Amino acid sequence: MEFHTFGNKSNKAVVLIHGVLTPWQIWGRQIEILKEKYYVIVPALDGHIEEHGSEFTSVEKEAQQIDDYICKDSIKSVFALCGLSMGGVIAHKIFERNKLRIENLILDGAPLVKMSFIAEKVMTGAYKSIIHKSKLRDRKTLDNFKRDFLPERYLENYLKFADTMSDTTVENMLHSVCAGDFTPAGNPDGTRILYLHGTKGNEVYSIKTAKKMKEHYTNMEVKCFDGYKHAELAVYEPDKWIDTVVSFLHE
């Protein structure tokens, strides 16, 4: 794992955690805006490091590494911990660990419900195929990827880590997410929670998660963006995502 930091360290900390097959740079617009007021910490998760290959083991290990880095940086409180998709699963794991005081937890499409073996197998196969074809620079795969998953401006960043991503990393990521299940953290520090999700495609797992979390975190705020696909708001319309999140943080 690698960490990228922006802004003045004396300001309140904001952590932004990306998802599967997305480079840390997808937070570019968020970083640009938030660094003016906050100290922004952005990890590049294992398996997603551009300069060299790295293996992703589990969301638990990623959470531990982020926890350890922040604590070693003498930061005891995080103003906003934000996670996108798998990054949201990792963010919730950090929340569960309760080593840091989290003032605000922002989860965007974090799938915190257990998925079936068949669903895991299908998704793992699909993600492996994307990586294999990306390494071959298959034009149809990359065109579909740009249209449905990642804006073209981040394609080169994606390809740099895709070229070194192993099948084991893909298997570990999908298993770690699909086999996991929601465990209430008890909201020990009165953390405010915002859950964002769309309505299209595989957002069914995000919708189920939001409902399940709401049963335990009764003060959690849920915002549904009708017609949006998984992670679409944060990646393709970052200004709208920022407005939504900043409005919540300043309530």
Protein backbone atom coordinates (compact mmCIF):
# COMPACT_ATOMS: atom_id res chain seq x y z
CA MET A 1 0.00 0.00 0.00
CA GLU A 2 1.10 3.56 -0.72
CA PHE A 3 -0.22 6.82 0.71
CA HIS A 4 -0.65 10.21 -0.94
CA THR A 5 -1.29 13.29 1.17
CA PHE A 6 -2.49 16.77 0.31
CA GLY A 7 -3.07 20.01 2.21
CA ASN A 8 -1.94 21.26 5.59
CA LYS A 9 -1.29 18.52 8.15
CA SER A 10 -2.49 20.81 10.93
CA ASN A 11 -6.02 20.72 9.48
CA LYS A 12 -8.64 18.08 10.18
CA ALA A 13 -8.01 14.79 8.38
CA VAL A 14 -10.13 13.42 5.54
CA VAL A 15 -9.43 9.91 4.20
CA LEU A 16 -10.55 8.83 0.70
CA ILE A 17 -10.44 5.10 -0.16
CA HIS A 18 -10.95 3.93 -3.75
CA GLY A 19 -12.56 0.71 -4.94
CA VAL A 20 -11.78 -2.35 -7.08
CA LEU A 21 -9.93 -1.67 -10.36
CA THR A 22 -9.95 2.06 -9.80
CA PRO A 23 -6.77 4.14 -9.31
CA TRP A 24 -6.44 6.47 -6.35
CA GLN A 25 -6.52 9.37 -8.84
CA ILE A 26 -10.28 8.99 -9.24
CA TRP A 27 -10.45 11.23 -6.17
CA GLY A 28 -8.71 14.01 -8.12
CA ARG A 29 -11.53 16.54 -8.03
CA GLN A 30 -12.34 15.73 -4.39
CA ILE A 31 -8.69 16.24 -3.47
CA GLU A 32 -8.56 19.55 -5.31
CA ILE A 33 -11.52 20.93 -3.35
CA LEU A 34 -10.98 19.32 0.06
CA LYS A 35 -7.24 20.03 0.41
CA GLU A 36 -7.97 23.74 0.80
CA LYS A 37 -9.60 23.12 4.16
CA TYR A 38 -8.55 19.59 5.20
CA TYR A 39 -5.51 17.33 5.35
CA VAL A 40 -6.41 14.72 2.72
CA ILE A 41 -5.02 11.18 2.94
CA VAL A 42 -5.49 8.94 -0.09
CA PRO A 43 -4.19 5.35 -0.04
CA ALA A 44 -3.39 3.37 -3.16
CA LEU A 45 -4.61 -0.07 -2.11
CA ASP A 46 -2.56 -3.22 -2.58
CA GLY A 47 -2.95 -4.56 -6.09
CA HIS A 48 -3.50 -1.01 -7.37
CA ILE A 49 0.00 0.47 -7.14
CA GLU A 50 1.25 1.79 -10.47
CA GLU A 51 5.00 1.66 -9.92
CA HIS A 52 5.25 -2.03 -9.01
CA GLY A 53 3.18 -5.15 -8.46
CA SER A 54 1.57 -5.80 -5.08
CA GLU A 55 -0.82 -8.43 -3.77
CA PHE A 56 -4.19 -7.73 -2.18
CA THR A 57 -4.90 -10.15 0.65
CA SER A 58 -8.05 -8.97 2.42
CA VAL A 59 -10.09 -5.91 3.33
CA GLU A 60 -9.09 -6.55 6.96
CA LYS A 61 -5.40 -6.20 6.12
CA GLU A 62 -6.02 -3.03 4.11
CA ALA A 63 -7.97 -1.55 7.03
CA GLN A 64 -5.15 -2.39 9.42
CA GLN A 65 -2.55 -0.75 7.17
CA ILE A 66 -4.57 2.44 6.89
CA ASP A 67 -5.20 2.45 10.65
CA ASP A 68 -1.48 1.96 11.35
CA TYR A 69 -0.41 4.69 8.92
CA ILE A 70 -2.76 7.27 10.38
CA CYS A 71 -1.83 6.42 13.97
CA LYS A 72 1.90 6.60 13.15
CA ASP A 73 1.20 10.02 11.64
CA SER A 74 0.08 11.07 15.16
CA ILE A 75 -3.51 11.58 14.02
CA LYS A 76 -6.01 10.47 16.66
CA SER A 77 -9.20 11.69 15.02
CA VAL A 78 -10.44 11.56 11.42
CA PHE A 79 -12.99 14.18 10.48
CA ALA A 80 -14.31 12.23 7.48
CA LEU A 81 -13.55 8.65 6.45
CA CYS A 82 -14.86 8.08 2.92
CA GLY A 83 -14.93 4.79 1.02
CA LEU A 84 -16.13 3.94 -2.47
CA SER A 85 -17.45 0.40 -3.13
CA MET A 86 -14.76 -1.97 -1.76
CA GLY A 87 -13.15 1.13 -0.27
CA GLY A 88 -16.35 1.56 1.72
CA VAL A 89 -16.03 -1.98 3.05
CA ILE A 90 -12.50 -1.15 4.15
CA ALA A 91 -13.70 2.12 5.70
CA HIS A 92 -16.31 0.27 7.74
CA LYS A 93 -13.65 -2.22 8.87
CA ILE A 94 -11.61 0.74 10.16
CA PHE A 95 -14.72 1.96 11.95
CA GLU A 96 -15.22 -1.51 13.48
CA ARG A 97 -11.63 -1.60 14.72
CA ASN A 98 -12.30 1.53 16.81
CA LYS A 99 -8.65 2.56 17.01
CA LEU A 100 -9.38 6.00 15.59
CA ARG A 101 -12.10 8.44 16.45
CA ILE A 102 -14.18 8.81 13.28
CA GLU A 103 -16.35 11.92 13.29
CA ASN A 104 -18.07 11.22 9.96
CA LEU A 105 -18.25 7.97 7.98
CA ILE A 106 -19.15 8.30 4.29
CA LEU A 107 -19.91 5.05 2.48
CA ASP A 108 -20.66 5.11 -1.24
CA GLY A 109 -22.06 1.83 -2.55
CA ALA A 110 -20.22 -0.25 0.06
CA PRO A 111 -21.51 -3.86 -0.24
CA LEU A 112 -21.70 -5.02 3.38
CA VAL A 113 -24.03 -7.96 2.80
CA LYS A 114 -22.91 -11.53 2.12
CA MET A 115 -23.24 -12.58 -1.51
CA SER A 116 -23.87 -16.05 -2.86
CA PHE A 117 -21.07 -18.34 -4.06
CA ILE A 118 -22.47 -18.09 -7.59
CA ALA A 119 -22.44 -14.27 -7.50
CA GLU A 120 -18.84 -14.31 -6.26
CA LYS A 121 -17.81 -16.77 -8.96
CA VAL A 122 -19.47 -14.76 -11.75
CA MET A 123 -17.99 -11.45 -10.62
CA THR A 124 -14.53 -12.94 -10.11
CA GLY A 125 -14.59 -14.37 -13.62
CA ALA A 126 -15.75 -11.06 -15.07
CA TYR A 127 -13.05 -9.06 -13.29
CA LYS A 128 -10.33 -11.53 -14.29
CA SER A 129 -11.46 -11.24 -17.89
CA ILE A 130 -11.30 -7.45 -17.74
CA ILE A 131 -7.75 -7.56 -16.37
CA HIS A 132 -6.57 -10.18 -18.89
CA LYS A 133 -8.02 -8.27 -21.83
CA SER A 134 -6.76 -4.94 -20.49
CA LYS A 135 -3.22 -6.35 -20.47
CA LEU A 136 -3.73 -7.19 -24.15
CA ARG A 137 -5.14 -3.68 -24.74
CA ASP A 138 -8.32 -5.18 -26.19
CA ARG A 139 -10.09 -2.18 -27.68
CA LYS A 140 -13.67 -3.33 -27.02
CA THR A 141 -12.88 -4.07 -23.37
CA LEU A 142 -11.24 -0.68 -22.84
CA ASP A 143 -14.06 1.16 -24.62
CA ASN A 144 -16.64 -0.56 -22.42
CA PHE A 145 -14.49 0.12 -19.37
CA LYS A 146 -14.34 3.85 -20.15
CA ARG A 147 -18.07 4.00 -20.78
CA ASP A 148 -19.26 2.04 -17.75
CA PHE A 149 -16.53 2.07 -15.14
CA LEU A 150 -13.81 4.69 -15.41
CA PRO A 151 -13.50 8.01 -17.29
CA GLU A 152 -10.87 8.02 -20.02
CA ARG A 153 -8.65 10.51 -18.18
CA TYR A 154 -7.82 7.79 -15.63
CA LEU A 155 -7.25 4.98 -18.14
CA GLU A 156 -3.44 5.21 -18.17
CA ASN A 157 -3.33 5.09 -14.37
CA TYR A 158 -5.54 2.01 -14.43
CA LEU A 159 -3.48 0.23 -17.08
CA LYS A 160 -0.25 0.72 -15.12
CA PHE A 161 -1.49 -1.37 -12.20
CA ALA A 162 -3.64 -3.68 -14.37
CA ASP A 163 -0.46 -4.82 -16.13
CA THR A 164 0.88 -6.22 -12.84
CA MET A 165 -2.39 -7.34 -11.20
CA SER A 166 -2.49 -11.08 -10.55
CA ASP A 167 -5.44 -13.46 -10.63
CA THR A 168 -4.81 -14.08 -6.93
CA THR A 169 -5.35 -10.41 -6.15
CA VAL A 170 -8.63 -10.42 -8.09
CA GLU A 171 -9.78 -13.57 -6.30
CA ASN A 172 -8.84 -12.18 -2.89
CA MET A 173 -10.60 -8.87 -3.51
CA LEU A 174 -13.85 -10.44 -4.67
CA HIS A 175 -13.85 -13.13 -1.98
CA SER A 176 -13.05 -10.62 0.74
CA VAL A 177 -15.97 -8.43 -0.32
CA CYS A 178 -18.51 -11.11 -1.26
CA ALA A 179 -17.94 -13.34 1.77
CA GLY A 180 -18.06 -10.50 4.26
CA ASP A 181 -21.15 -9.45 6.16
CA PHE A 182 -22.25 -6.42 8.13
CA THR A 183 -21.17 -6.32 11.76
CA PRO A 184 -22.45 -3.36 13.77
CA ALA A 185 -19.61 -1.33 15.23
CA GLY A 186 -21.76 0.01 18.04
CA ASN A 187 -21.21 3.60 16.90
CA PRO A 188 -18.87 4.08 19.91
CA ASP A 189 -17.99 7.71 19.37
CA GLY A 190 -21.27 9.03 18.09
CA THR A 191 -20.01 8.89 14.50
CA ARG A 192 -22.32 10.45 11.94
CA ILE A 193 -22.89 8.14 8.97
CA LEU A 194 -23.91 8.91 5.39
CA TYR A 195 -24.62 6.10 2.92
CA LEU A 196 -24.89 6.88 -0.80
CA HIS A 197 -26.15 4.54 -3.51
CA GLY A 198 -27.70 4.46 -6.95
CA THR A 199 -30.51 2.29 -8.33
CA LYS A 200 -29.13 0.67 -11.50
CA GLY A 201 -27.15 -2.50 -12.15
CA ASN A 202 -25.55 -4.23 -9.19
CA GLU A 203 -26.64 -1.53 -6.76
CA VAL A 204 -29.02 -4.13 -5.37
CA TYR A 205 -26.31 -5.02 -2.85
CA SER A 206 -25.85 -1.37 -1.89
CA ILE A 207 -29.60 -0.97 -1.36
CA LYS A 208 -29.70 -4.10 0.83
CA THR A 209 -26.73 -2.81 2.81
CA ALA A 210 -28.32 0.58 3.40
CA LYS A 211 -31.47 -1.06 4.75
CA LYS A 212 -29.54 -3.43 6.98
CA MET A 213 -27.27 -0.70 8.37
CA LYS A 214 -30.24 1.57 9.05
CA GLU A 215 -31.63 -1.06 11.44
CA HIS A 216 -28.55 -0.64 13.66
CA TYR A 217 -27.46 2.95 12.97
CA THR A 218 -30.85 4.61 13.31
CA ASN A 219 -29.41 8.10 12.85
CA MET A 220 -27.64 7.13 9.62
CA GLU A 221 -28.57 9.27 6.64
CA VAL A 222 -29.19 7.53 3.31
CA LYS A 223 -29.18 9.30 -0.04
CA CYS A 224 -30.42 7.47 -3.13
CA PHE A 225 -29.50 8.77 -6.58
CA ASP A 226 -32.15 7.40 -8.90
CA GLY A 227 -30.88 6.19 -12.27
CA TYR A 228 -27.23 6.13 -11.22
CA LYS A 229 -25.05 3.03 -11.48
CA HIS A 230 -22.60 1.74 -8.89
CA ALA A 231 -19.98 4.41 -8.04
CA GLU A 232 -21.12 6.55 -10.97
CA LEU A 233 -21.71 9.71 -8.96
CA ALA A 234 -18.28 9.85 -7.30
CA VAL A 235 -16.34 8.93 -10.43
CA TYR A 236 -18.28 10.63 -13.25
CA GLU A 237 -19.90 13.57 -11.40
CA PRO A 238 -17.45 14.39 -8.60
CA ASP A 239 -18.74 17.93 -8.10
CA LYS A 240 -22.22 16.60 -7.32
CA TRP A 241 -20.67 14.04 -4.97
CA ILE A 242 -18.66 16.76 -3.24
CA ASP A 243 -21.71 18.99 -2.83
CA THR A 244 -23.65 16.11 -1.27
CA VAL A 245 -20.89 15.10 1.11
CA VAL A 246 -19.84 18.62 2.13
CA SER A 247 -23.47 19.52 2.78
CA PHE A 248 -23.72 16.51 5.12
CA LEU A 249 -20.46 17.36 6.88
CA HIS A 250 -21.59 20.90 7.57
CA GLU A 251 -25.07 20.09 8.86
